[in-house]
Amino acid sequence: MKKEFSLEEKLSAIGLVFQGESARSVSRKLHLGHHLLYEWIESYKLLGIEGLELKRKKKKRLSYVIFNCLTLL
């Protein structure tokens, strides 16, 4: 499965669902998980195109956070 999708790819997939195709059939055609497609649809409904452009921030490792807290003491 592809790990990152362009905005155009996301909009295309969502468009197919809005035209009446099932999310599962679209996800099969495009080789992506149907849960991911459902996330895109919900993000698009709530936030529009901006919802599809959002990038997830990487979580910092707990050890890094603890080290920084200890250095502040």
C-alpha atoms as a PDB file:
ATOM      1  CA  MET A   1       0.000   0.000   0.000  1.00  0.00           C
ATOM      2  CA  LYS A   2       1.131   3.524  -0.761  1.00  0.00           C
ATOM      3  CA  LYS A   3       1.993   5.484   2.367  1.00  0.00           C
ATOM      4  CA  GLU A   4       1.336   9.057   1.215  1.00  0.00           C
ATOM      5  CA  PHE A   5      -1.262  10.382  -1.183  1.00  0.00           C
ATOM      6  CA  SER A   6      -1.413  13.739  -2.929  1.00  0.00           C
ATOM      7  CA  LEU A   7      -4.298  16.119  -2.424  1.00  0.00           C
ATOM      8  CA  GLU A   8      -5.479  15.359  -5.971  1.00  0.00           C
ATOM      9  CA  GLU A   9      -5.533  11.616  -5.280  1.00  0.00           C
ATOM     10  CA  LYS A  10      -7.533  12.138  -2.100  1.00  0.00           C
ATOM     11  CA  LEU A  11     -10.035  14.423  -3.833  1.00  0.00           C
ATOM     12  CA  SER A  12     -10.405  11.974  -6.696  1.00  0.00           C
ATOM     13  CA  ALA A  13     -11.154   9.099  -4.319  1.00  0.00           C
ATOM     14  CA  ILE A  14     -13.647  11.162  -2.332  1.00  0.00           C
ATOM     15  CA  GLY A  15     -15.295  12.303  -5.555  1.00  0.00           C
ATOM     16  CA  LEU A  16     -15.884   8.713  -6.636  1.00  0.00           C
ATOM     17  CA  VAL A  17     -17.602   7.983  -3.329  1.00  0.00           C
ATOM     18  CA  PHE A  18     -19.736  11.132  -3.613  1.00  0.00           C
ATOM     19  CA  GLN A  19     -20.758  10.018  -7.118  1.00  0.00           C
ATOM     20  CA  GLY A  20     -22.206   6.827  -5.667  1.00  0.00           C
ATOM     21  CA  GLU A  21     -19.439   4.226  -5.618  1.00  0.00           C
ATOM     22  CA  SER A  22     -18.946   2.423  -2.339  1.00  0.00           C
ATOM     23  CA  ALA A  23     -15.925   3.386  -0.272  1.00  0.00           C
ATOM     24  CA  ARG A  24     -14.786  -0.229  -0.228  1.00  0.00           C
ATOM     25  CA  SER A  25     -14.822  -0.556  -4.015  1.00  0.00           C
ATOM     26  CA  VAL A  26     -12.965   2.740  -4.420  1.00  0.00           C
ATOM     27  CA  SER A  27     -10.384   1.712  -1.848  1.00  0.00           C
ATOM     28  CA  ARG A  28      -9.864  -1.615  -3.636  1.00  0.00           C
ATOM     29  CA  LYS A  29      -9.402   0.123  -7.002  1.00  0.00           C
ATOM     30  CA  LEU A  30      -6.884   2.586  -5.566  1.00  0.00           C
ATOM     31  CA  HIS A  31      -5.104   0.078  -3.326  1.00  0.00           C
ATOM     32  CA  LEU A  32      -5.706   1.859  -0.055  1.00  0.00           C
ATOM     33  CA  GLY A  33      -7.363   0.877   3.186  1.00  0.00           C
ATOM     34  CA  HIS A  34     -11.066   1.677   3.355  1.00  0.00           C
ATOM     35  CA  HIS A  35     -10.623   3.076   6.859  1.00  0.00           C
ATOM     36  CA  LEU A  36      -8.214   5.642   5.467  1.00  0.00           C
ATOM     37  CA  LEU A  37     -10.741   6.630   2.823  1.00  0.00           C
ATOM     38  CA  TYR A  38     -13.417   7.042   5.503  1.00  0.00           C
ATOM     39  CA  GLU A  39     -11.017   9.322   7.421  1.00  0.00           C
ATOM     40  CA  TRP A  40     -10.484  11.457   4.317  1.00  0.00           C
ATOM     41  CA  ILE A  41     -14.242  11.726   3.749  1.00  0.00           C
ATOM     42  CA  GLU A  42     -14.887  12.813   7.327  1.00  0.00           C
ATOM     43  CA  SER A  43     -12.002  15.302   7.258  1.00  0.00           C
ATOM     44  CA  TYR A  44     -13.292  16.725   3.998  1.00  0.00           C
ATOM     45  CA  LYS A  45     -16.840  17.045   5.355  1.00  0.00           C
ATOM     46  CA  LEU A  46     -15.641  18.812   8.504  1.00  0.00           C
ATOM     47  CA  LEU A  47     -12.807  20.994   7.216  1.00  0.00           C
ATOM     48  CA  GLY A  48     -12.999  20.987   3.424  1.00  0.00           C
ATOM     49  CA  ILE A  49      -9.774  20.798   1.441  1.00  0.00           C
ATOM     50  CA  GLU A  50      -7.785  21.994   4.460  1.00  0.00           C
ATOM     51  CA  GLY A  51      -8.770  18.807   6.260  1.00  0.00           C
ATOM     52  CA  LEU A  52      -7.016  16.778   3.586  1.00  0.00           C
ATOM     53  CA  GLU A  53      -3.865  18.888   3.660  1.00  0.00           C
ATOM     54  CA  LEU A  54      -3.194  18.489   7.362  1.00  0.00           C
ATOM     55  CA  LYS A  55      -0.068  16.587   8.239  1.00  0.00           C
ATOM     56  CA  ARG A  56       0.229  14.589  11.419  1.00  0.00           C
ATOM     57  CA  LYS A  57       2.979  15.619  13.760  1.00  0.00           C
ATOM     58  CA  LYS A  58       5.430  12.992  14.835  1.00  0.00           C
ATOM     59  CA  LYS A  59       5.184  12.051  18.471  1.00  0.00           C
ATOM     60  CA  LYS A  60       8.243  12.707  20.558  1.00  0.00           C
ATOM     61  CA  ARG A  61       9.740   9.787  22.349  1.00  0.00           C
ATOM     62  CA  LEU A  62       8.917   9.617  26.026  1.00  0.00           C
ATOM     63  CA  SER A  63      12.599   9.418  26.969  1.00  0.00           C
ATOM     64  CA  TYR A  64      13.229  12.695  25.095  1.00  0.00           C
ATOM     65  CA  VAL A  65      10.381  14.421  26.930  1.00  0.00           C
ATOM     66  CA  ILE A  66      11.526  13.127  30.343  1.00  0.00           C
ATOM     67  CA  PHE A  67      15.108  14.203  29.648  1.00  0.00           C
ATOM     68  CA  ASN A  68      13.984  17.719  28.756  1.00  0.00           C
ATOM     69  CA  CYS A  69      11.792  17.941  31.858  1.00  0.00           C
ATOM     70  CA  LEU A  70      14.670  16.826  34.079  1.00  0.00           C
ATOM     71  CA  THR A  71      17.021  19.400  32.623  1.00  0.00           C
ATOM     72  CA  LEU A  72      14.552  22.110  33.603  1.00  0.00           C
ATOM     73  CA  LEU A  73      14.719  21.137  37.290  1.00  0.00           C
END
